[in-house]
Amino acid sequence: MKKEDNDGLWQHNYWVAACLDILGQTEAMKDIDFVNSQMSEEDRKLFEKGVKKVYQSTQLLHDTIERWVEKSEKTPPPFQNLNNKEEQFWETTNGRPLKWQRFSDGLIVYASLADPLEQSPIRPIYFMIGGCAAAMLLMMAHETPIRGGIAMGAACEFRPNELYGPVLATAHKLESKVADYPRVVVDNRVHEYLVRIHRSTGGDKRGDSDRAIATHCLDLISTDVDGNAVVDYLGEGFRAHTGLSKTDPIFDKIEKFIESEYEKHRTDKNSKLAFRYALLLNYFVWRMKEA
């Protein structure tokens, strides 16, 4: 749907969008809400820790997603363990690259699903899910967990990198109300869309390519204990597509961070946060102990 007005052209189409948010920023900001060159050693340590958590972690999240947005423009994909047939699928599949916009201490990643027939709308979805998985790993390794939601729906791009509409409301609701603990929840619409393409039959080489990409997307998604589909950033699918192994040092860092947070909140009798990190620890142990 298009509407002319004095400001130009509105394009109300269908989009897929991910909303990511850094947890714990409000508390961290309390330790840096001043400028004082004569601070005590204790205050200085709190200040440095706060600066790292607030500014460095925000930049890390933005840099991680920006790299995956850049990857979405390239063919063949920069992943390992793809056979020749899979690489051929990627090389013949074009799609609009991902877009992203800053949103306070978080960000929005999105892509149009209204591309011309010669372009594949499913290609950027793979990079969106992969980018969310990479961000979850890196942020946790830097002791700054994130939470997110991936949704599909209508919206309008007023200007380049400025999306607004129902799809963002849904993605934000998934992040703020459904995810609860550090994870990225995938909306039913997105999951059903991927499953439908994965199970589709017929078509030409483009159809084969879309089915292959849908399969890769589903490899990066699992069902959590509450029945929600989530980005499986510790799963075999993501490790296979990035060349990571369970012996990579990043997993040791993540395990130590999760255990430390769980014990801290348990000792403080903070039931809300202790329960969240218990769920996170359960996910980590489950994935790391798989054969």
C-alpha atoms as a PDB file:
ATOM      1  CA  MET A   1       0.000   0.000   0.000  1.00  0.00           C
ATOM      2  CA  LYS A   2       1.369   3.410  -0.996  1.00  0.00           C
ATOM      3  CA  LYS A   3       0.162   6.882  -0.075  1.00  0.00           C
ATOM      4  CA  GLU A   4       1.300  10.187  -1.520  1.00  0.00           C
ATOM      5  CA  ASP A   5       1.488  13.179   0.786  1.00  0.00           C
ATOM      6  CA  ASN A   6       3.455  16.393   1.081  1.00  0.00           C
ATOM      7  CA  ASP A   7       6.391  14.581   2.639  1.00  0.00           C
ATOM      8  CA  GLY A   8       6.812  11.987  -0.095  1.00  0.00           C
ATOM      9  CA  LEU A   9       5.854   8.338  -0.433  1.00  0.00           C
ATOM     10  CA  TRP A  10       4.799   6.017   2.387  1.00  0.00           C
ATOM     11  CA  GLN A  11       5.298   2.296   1.772  1.00  0.00           C
ATOM     12  CA  HIS A  12       3.224   0.092   4.055  1.00  0.00           C
ATOM     13  CA  ASN A  13       4.464  -3.454   3.430  1.00  0.00           C
ATOM     14  CA  TYR A  14       5.305  -6.711   5.180  1.00  0.00           C
ATOM     15  CA  TRP A  15       8.576  -6.925   7.123  1.00  0.00           C
ATOM     16  CA  VAL A  16      10.564  -9.174   9.413  1.00  0.00           C
ATOM     17  CA  ALA A  17      12.212  -7.422  12.349  1.00  0.00           C
ATOM     18  CA  ALA A  18      14.304  -8.252  15.404  1.00  0.00           C
ATOM     19  CA  CYS A  19      14.384  -6.134  18.554  1.00  0.00           C
ATOM     20  CA  LEU A  20      17.440  -6.576  20.802  1.00  0.00           C
ATOM     21  CA  ASP A  21      17.943  -4.971  24.197  1.00  0.00           C
ATOM     22  CA  ILE A  22      20.868  -4.984  26.644  1.00  0.00           C
ATOM     23  CA  LEU A  23      19.896  -6.029  30.169  1.00  0.00           C
ATOM     24  CA  GLY A  24      21.000  -4.267  33.333  1.00  0.00           C
ATOM     25  CA  GLN A  25      21.811  -0.910  31.756  1.00  0.00           C
ATOM     26  CA  THR A  26      19.668   1.174  34.102  1.00  0.00           C
ATOM     27  CA  GLU A  27      21.497  -0.122  37.168  1.00  0.00           C
ATOM     28  CA  ALA A  28      24.891   0.278  35.514  1.00  0.00           C
ATOM     29  CA  MET A  29      24.158   3.896  34.658  1.00  0.00           C
ATOM     30  CA  LYS A  30      23.757   4.778  38.323  1.00  0.00           C
ATOM     31  CA  ASP A  31      27.501   4.242  38.809  1.00  0.00           C
ATOM     32  CA  ILE A  32      28.536   6.687  36.074  1.00  0.00           C
ATOM     33  CA  ASP A  33      25.999   9.487  36.519  1.00  0.00           C
ATOM     34  CA  PHE A  34      28.664  11.954  37.641  1.00  0.00           C
ATOM     35  CA  VAL A  35      31.978  13.469  36.569  1.00  0.00           C
ATOM     36  CA  ASN A  36      34.549  13.757  39.338  1.00  0.00           C
ATOM     37  CA  SER A  37      38.333  13.650  38.946  1.00  0.00           C
ATOM     38  CA  GLN A  38      38.760  13.317  42.740  1.00  0.00           C
ATOM     39  CA  MET A  39      36.769  10.112  43.156  1.00  0.00           C
ATOM     40  CA  SER A  40      37.911   7.452  45.604  1.00  0.00           C
ATOM     41  CA  GLU A  41      39.496   4.185  44.455  1.00  0.00           C
ATOM     42  CA  GLU A  42      36.280   2.314  45.179  1.00  0.00           C
ATOM     43  CA  ASP A  43      34.222   4.843  43.232  1.00  0.00           C
ATOM     44  CA  ARG A  44      36.724   4.740  40.384  1.00  0.00           C
ATOM     45  CA  LYS A  45      36.356   0.956  40.086  1.00  0.00           C
ATOM     46  CA  LEU A  46      32.575   1.252  40.044  1.00  0.00           C
ATOM     47  CA  PHE A  47      32.847   4.030  37.478  1.00  0.00           C
ATOM     48  CA  GLU A  48      35.114   2.039  35.164  1.00  0.00           C
ATOM     49  CA  LYS A  49      32.894  -1.023  35.473  1.00  0.00           C
ATOM     50  CA  GLY A  50      29.834   1.083  34.715  1.00  0.00           C
ATOM     51  CA  VAL A  51      31.433   2.756  31.698  1.00  0.00           C
ATOM     52  CA  LYS A  52      32.418  -0.621  30.301  1.00  0.00           C
ATOM     53  CA  LYS A  53      28.942  -2.043  30.829  1.00  0.00           C
ATOM     54  CA  VAL A  54      27.064   0.968  29.492  1.00  0.00           C
ATOM     55  CA  TYR A  55      29.160   2.244  26.604  1.00  0.00           C
ATOM     56  CA  GLN A  56      31.464  -0.584  25.572  1.00  0.00           C
ATOM     57  CA  SER A  57      28.732  -3.202  25.671  1.00  0.00           C
ATOM     58  CA  THR A  58      26.377  -1.021  23.641  1.00  0.00           C
ATOM     59  CA  GLN A  59      29.051  -0.488  21.002  1.00  0.00           C
ATOM     60  CA  LEU A  60      29.840  -4.220  20.957  1.00  0.00           C
ATOM     61  CA  LEU A  61      26.203  -5.054  20.245  1.00  0.00           C
ATOM     62  CA  HIS A  62      26.011  -2.477  17.472  1.00  0.00           C
ATOM     63  CA  ASP A  63      29.311  -3.609  15.925  1.00  0.00           C
ATOM     64  CA  THR A  64      28.258  -7.279  15.988  1.00  0.00           C
ATOM     65  CA  ILE A  65      24.973  -6.641  14.211  1.00  0.00           C
ATOM     66  CA  GLU A  66      26.620  -4.265  11.743  1.00  0.00           C
ATOM     67  CA  ARG A  67      29.051  -7.025  10.708  1.00  0.00           C
ATOM     68  CA  TRP A  68      26.182  -9.425  10.050  1.00  0.00           C
ATOM     69  CA  VAL A  69      24.346  -6.769   8.062  1.00  0.00           C
ATOM     70  CA  GLU A  70      27.463  -6.430   5.906  1.00  0.00           C
ATOM     71  CA  LYS A  71      27.654 -10.221   5.528  1.00  0.00           C
ATOM     72  CA  SER A  72      24.072 -10.289   4.274  1.00  0.00           C
ATOM     73  CA  GLU A  73      25.216  -8.390   1.177  1.00  0.00           C
ATOM     74  CA  LYS A  74      27.869 -10.939   0.201  1.00  0.00           C
ATOM     75  CA  THR A  75      27.788 -14.187  -1.756  1.00  0.00           C
ATOM     76  CA  PRO A  76      28.802 -16.873  -1.217  1.00  0.00           C
ATOM     77  CA  PRO A  77      28.153 -16.673   2.517  1.00  0.00           C
ATOM     78  CA  PRO A  78      31.128 -16.463   4.890  1.00  0.00           C
ATOM     79  CA  PHE A  79      30.253 -19.683   6.693  1.00  0.00           C
ATOM     80  CA  GLN A  80      32.023 -22.999   7.008  1.00  0.00           C
ATOM     81  CA  ASN A  81      30.872 -26.559   6.413  1.00  0.00           C
ATOM     82  CA  LEU A  82      28.614 -25.879   3.418  1.00  0.00           C
ATOM     83  CA  ASN A  83      28.809 -28.431   0.625  1.00  0.00           C
ATOM     84  CA  ASN A  84      29.116 -27.477  -3.048  1.00  0.00           C
ATOM     85  CA  LYS A  85      25.401 -27.790  -3.708  1.00  0.00           C
ATOM     86  CA  GLU A  86      24.552 -25.495  -0.792  1.00  0.00           C
ATOM     87  CA  GLU A  87      27.089 -22.898  -1.922  1.00  0.00           C
ATOM     88  CA  GLN A  88      25.582 -22.958  -5.406  1.00  0.00           C
ATOM     89  CA  PHE A  89      22.178 -22.242  -3.881  1.00  0.00           C
ATOM     90  CA  TRP A  90      23.553 -19.211  -2.082  1.00  0.00           C
ATOM     91  CA  GLU A  91      25.409 -17.891  -5.128  1.00  0.00           C
ATOM     92  CA  THR A  92      22.230 -17.859  -7.235  1.00  0.00           C
ATOM     93  CA  THR A  93      20.037 -16.334  -4.524  1.00  0.00           C
ATOM     94  CA  ASN A  94      19.865 -12.591  -4.225  1.00  0.00           C
ATOM     95  CA  GLY A  95      17.988 -10.610  -1.628  1.00  0.00           C
ATOM     96  CA  ARG A  96      17.951  -7.167  -0.175  1.00  0.00           C
ATOM     97  CA  PRO A  97      20.498  -6.762   2.604  1.00  0.00           C
ATOM     98  CA  LEU A  98      19.438  -6.326   6.190  1.00  0.00           C
ATOM     99  CA  LYS A  99      18.950  -2.859   7.611  1.00  0.00           C
ATOM    100  CA  TRP A 100      19.379  -1.755  11.185  1.00  0.00           C
ATOM    101  CA  GLN A 101      18.701   1.225  13.392  1.00  0.00           C
ATOM    102  CA  ARG A 102      19.882   2.187  16.862  1.00  0.00           C
ATOM    103  CA  PHE A 103      17.242   2.191  19.565  1.00  0.00           C
ATOM    104  CA  SER A 104      18.549   3.561  22.883  1.00  0.00           C
ATOM    105  CA  ASP A 105      20.786   0.828  24.354  1.00  0.00           C
ATOM    106  CA  GLY A 106      19.375  -1.729  21.934  1.00  0.00           C
ATOM    107  CA  LEU A 107      18.682  -1.882  18.226  1.00  0.00           C
ATOM    108  CA  ILE A 108      16.282  -2.971  15.518  1.00  0.00           C
ATOM    109  CA  VAL A 109      17.300  -5.215  12.591  1.00  0.00           C
ATOM    110  CA  TYR A 110      14.834  -5.571   9.743  1.00  0.00           C
ATOM    111  CA  ALA A 111      14.269  -6.613   6.138  1.00  0.00           C
ATOM    112  CA  SER A 112      11.477  -6.297   3.592  1.00  0.00           C
ATOM    113  CA  LEU A 113       9.379  -9.326   2.649  1.00  0.00           C
ATOM    114  CA  ALA A 114       7.926  -7.509  -0.366  1.00  0.00           C
ATOM    115  CA  ASP A 115      10.920  -7.946  -2.655  1.00  0.00           C
ATOM    116  CA  PRO A 116      10.516  -8.539  -6.400  1.00  0.00           C
ATOM    117  CA  LEU A 117      10.231 -12.152  -7.512  1.00  0.00           C
ATOM    118  CA  GLU A 118      13.865 -12.271  -8.635  1.00  0.00           C
ATOM    119  CA  GLN A 119      14.951 -11.606  -5.050  1.00  0.00           C
ATOM    120  CA  SER A 120      14.660 -13.960  -2.112  1.00  0.00           C
ATOM    121  CA  PRO A 121      12.979 -12.519   0.985  1.00  0.00           C
ATOM    122  CA  ILE A 122      14.160 -15.461   3.066  1.00  0.00           C
ATOM    123  CA  ARG A 123      17.886 -14.851   2.594  1.00  0.00           C
ATOM    124  CA  PRO A 124      18.102 -11.862   5.003  1.00  0.00           C
ATOM    125  CA  ILE A 125      16.135 -13.824   7.617  1.00  0.00           C
ATOM    126  CA  TYR A 126      19.021 -16.266   7.860  1.00  0.00           C
ATOM    127  CA  PHE A 127      21.480 -13.465   8.547  1.00  0.00           C
ATOM    128  CA  MET A 128      19.082 -11.879  11.023  1.00  0.00           C
ATOM    129  CA  ILE A 129      18.822 -15.087  13.056  1.00  0.00           C
ATOM    130  CA  GLY A 130      22.562 -15.711  12.723  1.00  0.00           C
ATOM    131  CA  GLY A 131      23.320 -12.158  13.831  1.00  0.00           C
ATOM    132  CA  CYS A 132      21.102 -12.545  16.900  1.00  0.00           C
ATOM    133  CA  ALA A 133      22.877 -15.807  17.771  1.00  0.00           C
ATOM    134  CA  ALA A 134      26.318 -14.229  17.400  1.00  0.00           C
ATOM    135  CA  ALA A 135      25.243 -11.248  19.520  1.00  0.00           C
ATOM    136  CA  MET A 136      23.916 -13.518  22.272  1.00  0.00           C
ATOM    137  CA  LEU A 137      27.265 -15.354  22.443  1.00  0.00           C
ATOM    138  CA  LEU A 138      29.516 -12.307  22.357  1.00  0.00           C
ATOM    139  CA  MET A 139      27.475 -10.228  24.777  1.00  0.00           C
ATOM    140  CA  MET A 140      27.288 -13.042  27.314  1.00  0.00           C
ATOM    141  CA  ALA A 141      31.030 -13.642  27.009  1.00  0.00           C
ATOM    142  CA  HIS A 142      31.473  -9.944  27.871  1.00  0.00           C
ATOM    143  CA  GLU A 143      29.145 -10.343  30.873  1.00  0.00           C
ATOM    144  CA  THR A 144      26.415  -8.178  29.387  1.00  0.00           C
ATOM    145  CA  PRO A 145      23.459 -10.394  28.408  1.00  0.00           C
ATOM    146  CA  ILE A 146      20.795  -9.318  25.948  1.00  0.00           C
ATOM    147  CA  ARG A 147      17.201 -10.251  25.264  1.00  0.00           C
ATOM    148  CA  GLY A 148      15.226 -10.069  22.058  1.00  0.00           C
ATOM    149  CA  GLY A 149      12.297 -10.915  19.850  1.00  0.00           C
ATOM    150  CA  ILE A 150      11.947 -11.631  16.123  1.00  0.00           C
ATOM    151  CA  ALA A 151       8.585 -10.880  14.514  1.00  0.00           C
ATOM    152  CA  MET A 152       6.893 -10.680  11.137  1.00  0.00           C
ATOM    153  CA  GLY A 153       4.236  -8.132  10.246  1.00  0.00           C
ATOM    154  CA  ALA A 154       3.274  -4.846   8.632  1.00  0.00           C
ATOM    155  CA  ALA A 155       5.149  -1.568   8.973  1.00  0.00           C
ATOM    156  CA  CYS A 156       6.213   1.549   7.107  1.00  0.00           C
ATOM    157  CA  GLU A 157       9.750   2.708   6.377  1.00  0.00           C
ATOM    158  CA  PHE A 158       9.427   6.496   6.584  1.00  0.00           C
ATOM    159  CA  ARG A 159      13.073   7.056   5.665  1.00  0.00           C
ATOM    160  CA  PRO A 160      16.075   4.758   5.108  1.00  0.00           C
ATOM    161  CA  ASN A 161      16.810   2.928   8.365  1.00  0.00           C
ATOM    162  CA  GLU A 162      13.648   4.242  10.008  1.00  0.00           C
ATOM    163  CA  LEU A 163      10.997   1.528  10.285  1.00  0.00           C
ATOM    164  CA  TYR A 164       7.802   1.969  12.300  1.00  0.00           C
ATOM    165  CA  GLY A 165       4.615  -0.053  12.663  1.00  0.00           C
ATOM    166  CA  PRO A 166       2.958  -3.190  14.099  1.00  0.00           C
ATOM    167  CA  VAL A 167       5.931  -5.482  13.443  1.00  0.00           C
ATOM    168  CA  LEU A 168       8.092  -3.425  15.824  1.00  0.00           C
ATOM    169  CA  ALA A 169       5.386  -3.487  18.490  1.00  0.00           C
ATOM    170  CA  THR A 170       5.259  -7.276  18.267  1.00  0.00           C
ATOM    171  CA  ALA A 171       9.048  -7.677  18.312  1.00  0.00           C
ATOM    172  CA  HIS A 172       9.306  -5.359  21.321  1.00  0.00           C
ATOM    173  CA  LYS A 173       6.557  -7.261  23.156  1.00  0.00           C
ATOM    174  CA  LEU A 174       8.400 -10.536  22.571  1.00  0.00           C
ATOM    175  CA  GLU A 175      11.589  -8.989  23.958  1.00  0.00           C
ATOM    176  CA  SER A 176      10.103  -7.185  26.953  1.00  0.00           C
ATOM    177  CA  LYS A 177       7.173  -9.419  27.956  1.00  0.00           C
ATOM    178  CA  VAL A 178       7.787 -12.926  26.618  1.00  0.00           C
ATOM    179  CA  ALA A 179      11.558 -13.541  26.553  1.00  0.00           C
ATOM    180  CA  ASP A 180      11.901 -12.808  30.312  1.00  0.00           C
ATOM    181  CA  TYR A 181      15.467 -14.148  30.632  1.00  0.00           C
ATOM    182  CA  PRO A 182      18.419 -13.731  28.201  1.00  0.00           C
ATOM    183  CA  ARG A 183      17.130 -15.310  24.992  1.00  0.00           C
ATOM    184  CA  VAL A 184      15.669 -14.269  21.624  1.00  0.00           C
ATOM    185  CA  VAL A 185      12.088 -15.441  21.090  1.00  0.00           C
ATOM    186  CA  VAL A 186      10.921 -16.151  17.539  1.00  0.00           C
ATOM    187  CA  ASP A 187       7.293 -15.275  16.762  1.00  0.00           C
ATOM    188  CA  ASN A 188       4.967 -18.040  15.544  1.00  0.00           C
ATOM    189  CA  ARG A 189       4.485 -16.221  12.238  1.00  0.00           C
ATOM    190  CA  VAL A 190       8.208 -16.344  11.519  1.00  0.00           C
ATOM    191  CA  HIS A 191       8.542 -19.996  12.503  1.00  0.00           C
ATOM    192  CA  GLU A 192       5.482 -21.025  10.467  1.00  0.00           C
ATOM    193  CA  TYR A 193       6.782 -19.061   7.464  1.00  0.00           C
ATOM    194  CA  LEU A 194      10.100 -20.932   7.586  1.00  0.00           C
ATOM    195  CA  VAL A 195       8.404 -24.313   8.040  1.00  0.00           C
ATOM    196  CA  ARG A 196       6.057 -23.626   5.112  1.00  0.00           C
ATOM    197  CA  ILE A 197       8.946 -22.837   2.757  1.00  0.00           C
ATOM    198  CA  HIS A 198      10.968 -25.775   4.112  1.00  0.00           C
ATOM    199  CA  ARG A 199       8.087 -28.160   3.290  1.00  0.00           C
ATOM    200  CA  SER A 200       7.173 -26.609  -0.065  1.00  0.00           C
ATOM    201  CA  THR A 201       7.509 -28.667  -3.228  1.00  0.00           C
ATOM    202  CA  GLY A 202       8.091 -27.891  -6.875  1.00  0.00           C
ATOM    203  CA  GLY A 203       9.567 -24.723  -8.288  1.00  0.00           C
ATOM    204  CA  ASP A 204      12.797 -24.038 -10.116  1.00  0.00           C
ATOM    205  CA  LYS A 205      16.312 -23.487  -8.797  1.00  0.00           C
ATOM    206  CA  ARG A 206      15.018 -20.488  -6.857  1.00  0.00           C
ATOM    207  CA  GLY A 207      12.585 -22.775  -5.034  1.00  0.00           C
ATOM    208  CA  ASP A 208      15.398 -25.203  -4.211  1.00  0.00           C
ATOM    209  CA  SER A 209      17.471 -22.321  -2.906  1.00  0.00           C
ATOM    210  CA  ASP A 210      14.702 -20.968  -0.671  1.00  0.00           C
ATOM    211  CA  ARG A 211      14.044 -24.416   0.769  1.00  0.00           C
ATOM    212  CA  ALA A 212      17.751 -24.854   1.526  1.00  0.00           C
ATOM    213  CA  ILE A 213      17.930 -21.466   3.270  1.00  0.00           C
ATOM    214  CA  ALA A 214      14.747 -22.192   5.232  1.00  0.00           C
ATOM    215  CA  THR A 215      16.361 -25.414   6.419  1.00  0.00           C
ATOM    216  CA  HIS A 216      19.433 -23.481   7.575  1.00  0.00           C
ATOM    217  CA  CYS A 217      17.177 -21.024   9.431  1.00  0.00           C
ATOM    218  CA  LEU A 218      15.357 -23.840  11.212  1.00  0.00           C
ATOM    219  CA  ASP A 219      18.738 -25.308  12.196  1.00  0.00           C
ATOM    220  CA  LEU A 220      19.267 -22.137  14.239  1.00  0.00           C
ATOM    221  CA  ILE A 221      15.940 -22.370  16.091  1.00  0.00           C
ATOM    222  CA  SER A 222      14.793 -24.682  18.895  1.00  0.00           C
ATOM    223  CA  THR A 223      11.768 -24.967  21.199  1.00  0.00           C
ATOM    224  CA  ASP A 224      12.342 -23.776  24.758  1.00  0.00           C
ATOM    225  CA  VAL A 225      10.894 -25.283  27.946  1.00  0.00           C
ATOM    226  CA  ASP A 226       7.845 -22.988  27.793  1.00  0.00           C
ATOM    227  CA  GLY A 227       7.024 -23.941  24.207  1.00  0.00           C
ATOM    228  CA  ASN A 228       8.336 -20.761  22.596  1.00  0.00           C
ATOM    229  CA  ALA A 229      10.597 -20.966  19.546  1.00  0.00           C
ATOM    230  CA  VAL A 230      13.968 -19.348  20.325  1.00  0.00           C
ATOM    231  CA  VAL A 231      17.276 -18.627  18.600  1.00  0.00           C
ATOM    232  CA  ASP A 232      19.462 -21.628  19.457  1.00  0.00           C
ATOM    233  CA  TYR A 233      22.798 -19.825  19.780  1.00  0.00           C
ATOM    234  CA  LEU A 234      24.463 -22.761  21.580  1.00  0.00           C
ATOM    235  CA  GLY A 235      23.033 -25.407  19.285  1.00  0.00           C
ATOM    236  CA  GLU A 236      24.761 -27.672  16.808  1.00  0.00           C
ATOM    237  CA  GLY A 237      23.296 -25.752  13.864  1.00  0.00           C
ATOM    238  CA  PHE A 238      24.919 -22.446  14.762  1.00  0.00           C
ATOM    239  CA  ARG A 239      28.225 -24.091  15.682  1.00  0.00           C
ATOM    240  CA  ALA A 240      28.274 -25.950  12.357  1.00  0.00           C
ATOM    241  CA  HIS A 241      27.579 -22.806  10.334  1.00  0.00           C
ATOM    242  CA  THR A 242      30.269 -20.775  12.109  1.00  0.00           C
ATOM    243  CA  GLY A 243      32.926 -23.432  12.698  1.00  0.00           C
ATOM    244  CA  LEU A 244      32.717 -23.125  16.503  1.00  0.00           C
ATOM    245  CA  SER A 245      33.381 -26.168  18.661  1.00  0.00           C
ATOM    246  CA  LYS A 246      32.417 -26.826  22.268  1.00  0.00           C
ATOM    247  CA  THR A 247      36.071 -26.446  23.247  1.00  0.00           C
ATOM    248  CA  ASP A 248      36.170 -22.815  22.105  1.00  0.00           C
ATOM    249  CA  PRO A 249      37.229 -20.551  25.028  1.00  0.00           C
ATOM    250  CA  ILE A 250      34.118 -18.421  24.579  1.00  0.00           C
ATOM    251  CA  PHE A 251      31.973 -21.171  26.078  1.00  0.00           C
ATOM    252  CA  ASP A 252      34.090 -21.296  29.246  1.00  0.00           C
ATOM    253  CA  LYS A 253      33.608 -17.551  29.675  1.00  0.00           C
ATOM    254  CA  ILE A 254      29.871 -17.862  29.219  1.00  0.00           C
ATOM    255  CA  GLU A 255      29.556 -20.748  31.662  1.00  0.00           C
ATOM    256  CA  LYS A 256      31.493 -18.899  34.369  1.00  0.00           C
ATOM    257  CA  PHE A 257      29.391 -15.778  33.874  1.00  0.00           C
ATOM    258  CA  ILE A 258      26.065 -17.627  34.078  1.00  0.00           C
ATOM    259  CA  GLU A 259      27.101 -19.599  37.165  1.00  0.00           C
ATOM    260  CA  SER A 260      28.385 -16.440  38.850  1.00  0.00           C
ATOM    261  CA  GLU A 261      25.152 -14.535  38.191  1.00  0.00           C
ATOM    262  CA  TYR A 262      23.019 -17.435  39.360  1.00  0.00           C
ATOM    263  CA  GLU A 263      24.947 -17.820  42.615  1.00  0.00           C
ATOM    264  CA  LYS A 264      24.924 -14.071  43.270  1.00  0.00           C
ATOM    265  CA  HIS A 265      21.162 -13.721  42.869  1.00  0.00           C
ATOM    266  CA  ARG A 266      20.531 -16.959  44.761  1.00  0.00           C
ATOM    267  CA  THR A 267      22.656 -15.743  47.673  1.00  0.00           C
ATOM    268  CA  ASP A 268      20.845 -12.393  47.642  1.00  0.00           C
ATOM    269  CA  LYS A 269      17.513 -14.277  47.575  1.00  0.00           C
ATOM    270  CA  ASN A 270      16.532 -12.376  44.447  1.00  0.00           C
ATOM    271  CA  SER A 271      13.988 -14.931  43.260  1.00  0.00           C
ATOM    272  CA  LYS A 272      13.223 -13.155  39.990  1.00  0.00           C
ATOM    273  CA  LEU A 273      16.795 -12.984  38.714  1.00  0.00           C
ATOM    274  CA  ALA A 274      17.876 -16.284  40.284  1.00  0.00           C
ATOM    275  CA  PHE A 275      15.091 -18.052  38.410  1.00  0.00           C
ATOM    276  CA  ARG A 276      16.052 -16.353  35.145  1.00  0.00           C
ATOM    277  CA  TYR A 277      19.662 -17.437  35.415  1.00  0.00           C
ATOM    278  CA  ALA A 278      18.628 -20.921  36.495  1.00  0.00           C
ATOM    279  CA  LEU A 279      16.758 -21.227  33.185  1.00  0.00           C
ATOM    280  CA  LEU A 280      19.767 -19.882  31.311  1.00  0.00           C
ATOM    281  CA  LEU A 281      22.112 -22.284  33.088  1.00  0.00           C
ATOM    282  CA  ASN A 282      19.774 -25.171  32.310  1.00  0.00           C
ATOM    283  CA  TYR A 283      19.911 -24.276  28.603  1.00  0.00           C
ATOM    284  CA  PHE A 284      23.713 -24.015  28.651  1.00  0.00           C
ATOM    285  CA  VAL A 285      24.207 -27.363  30.418  1.00  0.00           C
ATOM    286  CA  TRP A 286      21.715 -29.073  28.105  1.00  0.00           C
ATOM    287  CA  ARG A 287      23.463 -27.878  24.964  1.00  0.00           C
ATOM    288  CA  MET A 288      27.041 -28.376  26.149  1.00  0.00           C
ATOM    289  CA  LYS A 289      26.400 -31.946  27.321  1.00  0.00           C
ATOM    290  CA  GLU A 290      24.897 -33.090  24.024  1.00  0.00           C
ATOM    291  CA  ALA A 291      26.808 -35.820  22.234  1.00  0.00           C
END
